[in-house]
PDB file of all heavy atoms in Angstrom:
ATOM      1  N   VAL A   1      27.423 -89.432  66.302  1.00  0.00           N
ATOM      2  CA  VAL A   1      26.040 -89.188  65.901  1.00  0.00           C
ATOM      3  C   VAL A   1      25.200 -90.316  66.494  1.00  0.00           C
ATOM      4  O   VAL A   1      25.472 -91.495  66.271  1.00  0.00           O
ATOM      5  CB  VAL A   1      25.901 -89.157  64.363  1.00  0.00           C
ATOM      6  CG1 VAL A   1      24.443 -89.014  63.963  1.00  0.00           C
ATOM      7  CG2 VAL A   1      26.728 -88.007  63.787  1.00  0.00           C
ATOM      8  N   THR A   2      24.193 -89.953  67.288  1.00  0.00           N
ATOM      9  CA  THR A   2      23.378 -90.958  67.965  1.00  0.00           C
ATOM     10  C   THR A   2      21.994 -91.102  67.353  1.00  0.00           C
ATOM     11  O   THR A   2      21.326 -92.105  67.582  1.00  0.00           O
ATOM     12  CB  THR A   2      23.215 -90.609  69.467  1.00  0.00           C
ATOM     13  OG1 THR A   2      22.608 -89.323  69.573  1.00  0.00           O
ATOM     14  CG2 THR A   2      24.561 -90.624  70.165  1.00  0.00           C
ATOM     15  N   ARG A   3      21.545 -90.124  66.594  1.00  0.00           N
ATOM     16  CA  ARG A   3      20.230 -90.164  65.976  1.00  0.00           C
ATOM     17  C   ARG A   3      20.244 -89.226  64.792  1.00  0.00           C
ATOM     18  O   ARG A   3      20.805 -88.136  64.875  1.00  0.00           O
ATOM     19  CB  ARG A   3      19.167 -89.715  66.984  1.00  0.00           C
ATOM     20  CG  ARG A   3      17.753 -89.685  66.438  1.00  0.00           C
ATOM     21  CD  ARG A   3      16.773 -88.975  67.379  1.00  0.00           C
ATOM     22  NE  ARG A   3      17.096 -87.568  67.585  1.00  0.00           N
ATOM     23  CZ  ARG A   3      16.826 -86.584  66.731  1.00  0.00           C
ATOM     24  NH1 ARG A   3      16.262 -86.831  65.572  1.00  0.00           N
ATOM     25  NH2 ARG A   3      17.137 -85.333  67.016  1.00  0.00           N
ATOM     26  N   GLN A   4      19.639 -89.621  63.698  1.00  0.00           N
ATOM     27  CA  GLN A   4      19.552 -88.751  62.539  1.00  0.00           C
ATOM     28  C   GLN A   4      18.212 -88.991  61.860  1.00  0.00           C
ATOM     29  O   GLN A   4      17.758 -90.131  61.788  1.00  0.00           O
ATOM     30  CB  GLN A   4      20.718 -88.954  61.566  1.00  0.00           C
ATOM     31  CG  GLN A   4      20.794 -90.279  60.884  1.00  0.00           C
ATOM     32  CD  GLN A   4      21.431 -91.359  61.732  1.00  0.00           C
ATOM     33  OE1 GLN A   4      21.940 -91.113  62.812  1.00  0.00           O
ATOM     34  NE2 GLN A   4      21.388 -92.597  61.245  1.00  0.00           N
ATOM     35  N   LYS A   5      17.577 -87.913  61.407  1.00  0.00           N
ATOM     36  CA  LYS A   5      16.305 -88.047  60.706  1.00  0.00           C
ATOM     37  C   LYS A   5      16.090 -86.843  59.804  1.00  0.00           C
ATOM     38  O   LYS A   5      16.654 -85.766  60.020  1.00  0.00           O
ATOM     39  CB  LYS A   5      15.136 -88.198  61.671  1.00  0.00           C
ATOM     40  CG  LYS A   5      14.829 -86.951  62.471  1.00  0.00           C
ATOM     41  CD  LYS A   5      13.593 -87.131  63.319  1.00  0.00           C
ATOM     42  CE  LYS A   5      13.245 -85.777  63.937  1.00  0.00           C
ATOM     43  NZ  LYS A   5      11.876 -85.656  64.294  1.00  0.00           N
ATOM     44  N   VAL A   6      15.270 -87.039  58.785  1.00  0.00           N
ATOM     45  CA  VAL A   6      14.908 -85.974  57.860  1.00  0.00           C
ATOM     46  C   VAL A   6      13.787 -85.157  58.492  1.00  0.00           C
ATOM     47  O   VAL A   6      12.828 -85.720  59.031  1.00  0.00           O
ATOM     48  CB  VAL A   6      14.442 -86.554  56.511  1.00  0.00           C
ATOM     49  CG1 VAL A   6      13.894 -85.465  55.603  1.00  0.00           C
ATOM     50  CG2 VAL A   6      15.584 -87.291  55.829  1.00  0.00           C
ATOM     51  N   ASP A   7      13.906 -83.844  58.445  1.00  0.00           N
ATOM     52  CA  ASP A   7      12.832 -82.952  58.881  1.00  0.00           C
ATOM     53  C   ASP A   7      11.902 -82.762  57.689  1.00  0.00           C
ATOM     54  O   ASP A   7      12.126 -81.905  56.835  1.00  0.00           O
ATOM     55  CB  ASP A   7      13.407 -81.619  59.347  1.00  0.00           C
ATOM     56  CG  ASP A   7      12.351 -80.696  59.949  1.00  0.00           C
ATOM     57  OD1 ASP A   7      11.167 -80.842  59.590  1.00  0.00           O
ATOM     58  OD2 ASP A   7      12.723 -79.839  60.752  1.00  0.00           O
ATOM     59  N   THR A   8      10.886 -83.599  57.610  1.00  0.00           N
ATOM     60  CA  THR A   8      10.001 -83.591  56.449  1.00  0.00           C
ATOM     61  C   THR A   8       9.213 -82.295  56.314  1.00  0.00           C
ATOM     62  O   THR A   8       8.819 -81.928  55.211  1.00  0.00           O
ATOM     63  CB  THR A   8       9.031 -84.786  56.480  1.00  0.00           C
ATOM     64  OG1 THR A   8       8.307 -84.767  57.711  1.00  0.00           O
ATOM     65  CG2 THR A   8       9.788 -86.101  56.348  1.00  0.00           C
ATOM     66  N   GLY A   9       9.004 -81.592  57.420  1.00  0.00           N
ATOM     67  CA  GLY A   9       8.274 -80.336  57.366  1.00  0.00           C
ATOM     68  C   GLY A   9       9.054 -79.197  56.727  1.00  0.00           C
ATOM     69  O   GLY A   9       8.463 -78.246  56.218  1.00  0.00           O
ATOM     70  N   LYS A  10      10.372 -79.302  56.716  1.00  0.00           N
ATOM     71  CA  LYS A  10      11.227 -78.248  56.160  1.00  0.00           C
ATOM     72  C   LYS A  10      11.926 -78.674  54.871  1.00  0.00           C
ATOM     73  O   LYS A  10      12.556 -77.850  54.228  1.00  0.00           O
ATOM     74  CB  LYS A  10      12.267 -77.816  57.191  1.00  0.00           C
ATOM     75  CG  LYS A  10      11.664 -77.155  58.404  1.00  0.00           C
ATOM     76  CD  LYS A  10      12.722 -76.735  59.397  1.00  0.00           C
ATOM     77  CE  LYS A  10      12.095 -76.106  60.621  1.00  0.00           C
ATOM     78  NZ  LYS A  10      13.082 -75.828  61.649  1.00  0.00           N
ATOM     79  N   SER A  11      11.820 -79.944  54.508  1.00  0.00           N
ATOM     80  CA  SER A  11      12.490 -80.460  53.318  1.00  0.00           C
ATOM     81  C   SER A  11      11.572 -80.389  52.107  1.00  0.00           C
ATOM     82  O   SER A  11      10.363 -80.583  52.225  1.00  0.00           O
ATOM     83  CB  SER A  11      12.916 -81.915  53.536  1.00  0.00           C
ATOM     84  OG  SER A  11      13.874 -81.992  54.570  1.00  0.00           O
ATOM     85  N   THR A  12      12.175 -80.128  50.943  1.00  0.00           N
ATOM     86  CA  THR A  12      11.409 -80.083  49.697  1.00  0.00           C
ATOM     87  C   THR A  12      11.906 -81.102  48.682  1.00  0.00           C
ATOM     88  O   THR A  12      11.306 -81.232  47.617  1.00  0.00           O
ATOM     89  CB  THR A  12      11.482 -78.679  49.055  1.00  0.00           C
ATOM     90  OG1 THR A  12      12.848 -78.370  48.751  1.00  0.00           O
ATOM     91  CG2 THR A  12      10.903 -77.619  49.978  1.00  0.00           C
ATOM     92  N   LEU A  13      12.964 -81.813  48.980  1.00  0.00           N
ATOM     93  CA  LEU A  13      13.533 -82.769  48.026  1.00  0.00           C
ATOM     94  C   LEU A  13      12.617 -83.970  47.824  1.00  0.00           C
ATOM     95  O   LEU A  13      12.315 -84.343  46.708  1.00  0.00           O
ATOM     96  CB  LEU A  13      14.918 -83.223  48.483  1.00  0.00           C
ATOM     97  CG  LEU A  13      15.664 -84.137  47.522  1.00  0.00           C
ATOM     98  CD1 LEU A  13      15.981 -83.415  46.225  1.00  0.00           C
ATOM     99  CD2 LEU A  13      16.928 -84.668  48.161  1.00  0.00           C
ATOM    100  N   HIS A  14      12.190 -84.598  48.916  1.00  0.00           N
ATOM    101  CA  HIS A  14      11.262 -85.733  48.886  1.00  0.00           C
ATOM    102  C   HIS A  14      11.705 -86.818  47.912  1.00  0.00           C
ATOM    103  O   HIS A  14      10.964 -87.221  47.031  1.00  0.00           O
ATOM    104  CB  HIS A  14       9.839 -85.270  48.569  1.00  0.00           C
ATOM    105  CG  HIS A  14       9.347 -84.188  49.475  1.00  0.00           C
ATOM    106  ND1 HIS A  14       9.226 -84.361  50.844  1.00  0.00           N
ATOM    107  CD2 HIS A  14       8.987 -82.917  49.215  1.00  0.00           C
ATOM    108  CE1 HIS A  14       8.790 -83.232  51.381  1.00  0.00           C
ATOM    109  NE2 HIS A  14       8.646 -82.335  50.413  1.00  0.00           N
ATOM    110  N   GLN A  15      12.923 -87.289  48.089  1.00  0.00           N
ATOM    111  CA  GLN A  15      13.468 -88.367  47.260  1.00  0.00           C
ATOM    112  C   GLN A  15      14.121 -89.368  48.219  1.00  0.00           C
ATOM    113  O   GLN A  15      15.208 -89.124  48.737  1.00  0.00           O
ATOM    114  CB  GLN A  15      14.470 -87.796  46.258  1.00  0.00           C
ATOM    115  CG  GLN A  15      14.529 -88.477  44.903  1.00  0.00           C
ATOM    116  CD  GLN A  15      15.027 -89.909  44.969  1.00  0.00           C
ATOM    117  OE1 GLN A  15      15.692 -90.319  45.901  1.00  0.00           O
ATOM    118  NE2 GLN A  15      14.696 -90.677  43.955  1.00  0.00           N
ATOM    119  N   ALA A  16      13.430 -90.482  48.455  1.00  0.00           N
ATOM    120  CA  ALA A  16      13.833 -91.430  49.501  1.00  0.00           C
ATOM    121  C   ALA A  16      15.259 -91.954  49.337  1.00  0.00           C
ATOM    122  O   ALA A  16      15.976 -92.093  50.328  1.00  0.00           O
ATOM    123  CB  ALA A  16      12.843 -92.591  49.562  1.00  0.00           C
ATOM    124  N   ALA A  17      15.681 -92.245  48.123  1.00  0.00           N
ATOM    125  CA  ALA A  17      17.027 -92.798  47.927  1.00  0.00           C
ATOM    126  C   ALA A  17      18.104 -91.800  48.357  1.00  0.00           C
ATOM    127  O   ALA A  17      19.082 -92.177  49.001  1.00  0.00           O
ATOM    128  CB  ALA A  17      17.232 -93.210  46.475  1.00  0.00           C
ATOM    129  N   VAL A  18      17.930 -90.529  48.032  1.00  0.00           N
ATOM    130  CA  VAL A  18      18.896 -89.497  48.438  1.00  0.00           C
ATOM    131  C   VAL A  18      18.843 -89.326  49.951  1.00  0.00           C
ATOM    132  O   VAL A  18      19.880 -89.265  50.620  1.00  0.00           O
ATOM    133  CB  VAL A  18      18.623 -88.152  47.732  1.00  0.00           C
ATOM    134  CG1 VAL A  18      19.580 -87.084  48.230  1.00  0.00           C
ATOM    135  CG2 VAL A  18      18.735 -88.302  46.221  1.00  0.00           C
ATOM    136  N   GLU A  19      17.643 -89.241  50.507  1.00  0.00           N
ATOM    137  CA  GLU A  19      17.493 -89.064  51.953  1.00  0.00           C
ATOM    138  C   GLU A  19      18.161 -90.193  52.722  1.00  0.00           C
ATOM    139  O   GLU A  19      18.921 -89.945  53.665  1.00  0.00           O
ATOM    140  CB  GLU A  19      16.010 -88.965  52.313  1.00  0.00           C
ATOM    141  CG  GLU A  19      15.342 -87.729  51.767  1.00  0.00           C
ATOM    142  CD  GLU A  19      13.839 -87.742  51.937  1.00  0.00           C
ATOM    143  OE1 GLU A  19      13.268 -88.764  52.405  1.00  0.00           O
ATOM    144  OE2 GLU A  19      13.213 -86.719  51.600  1.00  0.00           O
ATOM    145  N   ASP A  20      17.889 -91.432  52.333  1.00  0.00           N
ATOM    146  CA  ASP A  20      18.478 -92.577  53.029  1.00  0.00           C
ATOM    147  C   ASP A  20      19.999 -92.582  52.927  1.00  0.00           C
ATOM    148  O   ASP A  20      20.696 -92.863  53.906  1.00  0.00           O
ATOM    149  CB  ASP A  20      17.920 -93.890  52.469  1.00  0.00           C
ATOM    150  CG  ASP A  20      16.442 -94.080  52.775  1.00  0.00           C
ATOM    151  OD1 ASP A  20      15.912 -93.396  53.665  1.00  0.00           O
ATOM    152  OD2 ASP A  20      15.818 -94.925  52.101  1.00  0.00           O
ATOM    153  N   CYS A  21      20.515 -92.271  51.758  1.00  0.00           N
ATOM    154  CA  CYS A  21      21.959 -92.225  51.548  1.00  0.00           C
ATOM    155  C   CYS A  21      22.605 -91.156  52.432  1.00  0.00           C
ATOM    156  O   CYS A  21      23.614 -91.406  53.099  1.00  0.00           O
ATOM    157  CB  CYS A  21      22.255 -91.966  50.077  1.00  0.00           C
ATOM    158  SG  CYS A  21      24.010 -91.895  49.660  1.00  0.00           S
ATOM    159  N   VAL A  22      22.020 -89.966  52.467  1.00  0.00           N
ATOM    160  CA  VAL A  22      22.559 -88.878  53.295  1.00  0.00           C
ATOM    161  C   VAL A  22      22.513 -89.268  54.767  1.00  0.00           C
ATOM    162  O   VAL A  22      23.489 -89.052  55.507  1.00  0.00           O
ATOM    163  CB  VAL A  22      21.803 -87.557  53.023  1.00  0.00           C
ATOM    164  CG1 VAL A  22      22.171 -86.497  54.057  1.00  0.00           C
ATOM    165  CG2 VAL A  22      22.087 -87.050  51.619  1.00  0.00           C
ATOM    166  N   LEU A  23      21.430 -89.872  55.218  1.00  0.00           N
ATOM    167  CA  LEU A  23      21.336 -90.287  56.622  1.00  0.00           C
ATOM    168  C   LEU A  23      22.408 -91.318  56.967  1.00  0.00           C
ATOM    169  O   LEU A  23      23.009 -91.256  58.045  1.00  0.00           O
ATOM    170  CB  LEU A  23      19.949 -90.852  56.915  1.00  0.00           C
ATOM    171  CG  LEU A  23      18.801 -89.846  56.906  1.00  0.00           C
ATOM    172  CD1 LEU A  23      17.472 -90.560  57.132  1.00  0.00           C
ATOM    173  CD2 LEU A  23      18.995 -88.740  57.925  1.00  0.00           C
ATOM    174  N   ARG A  24      22.675 -92.254  56.059  1.00  0.00           N
ATOM    175  CA  ARG A  24      23.738 -93.243  56.307  1.00  0.00           C
ATOM    176  C   ARG A  24      25.104 -92.573  56.416  1.00  0.00           C
ATOM    177  O   ARG A  24      25.931 -92.948  57.257  1.00  0.00           O
ATOM    178  CB  ARG A  24      23.760 -94.294  55.193  1.00  0.00           C
ATOM    179  CG  ARG A  24      22.656 -95.322  55.286  1.00  0.00           C
ATOM    180  CD  ARG A  24      22.889 -96.512  54.346  1.00  0.00           C
ATOM    181  NE  ARG A  24      23.136 -96.120  52.965  1.00  0.00           N
ATOM    182  CZ  ARG A  24      22.198 -95.918  52.047  1.00  0.00           C
ATOM    183  NH1 ARG A  24      20.926 -96.042  52.373  1.00  0.00           N
ATOM    184  NH2 ARG A  24      22.523 -95.603  50.811  1.00  0.00           N
TER     185      ARG A  24
END
């Protein structure tokens, strides 16, 4: 995996701690 990011336009969770954890 060389790059990972949240697609904010398609996501509805909007919870930074979960997003950061999943990206890691």
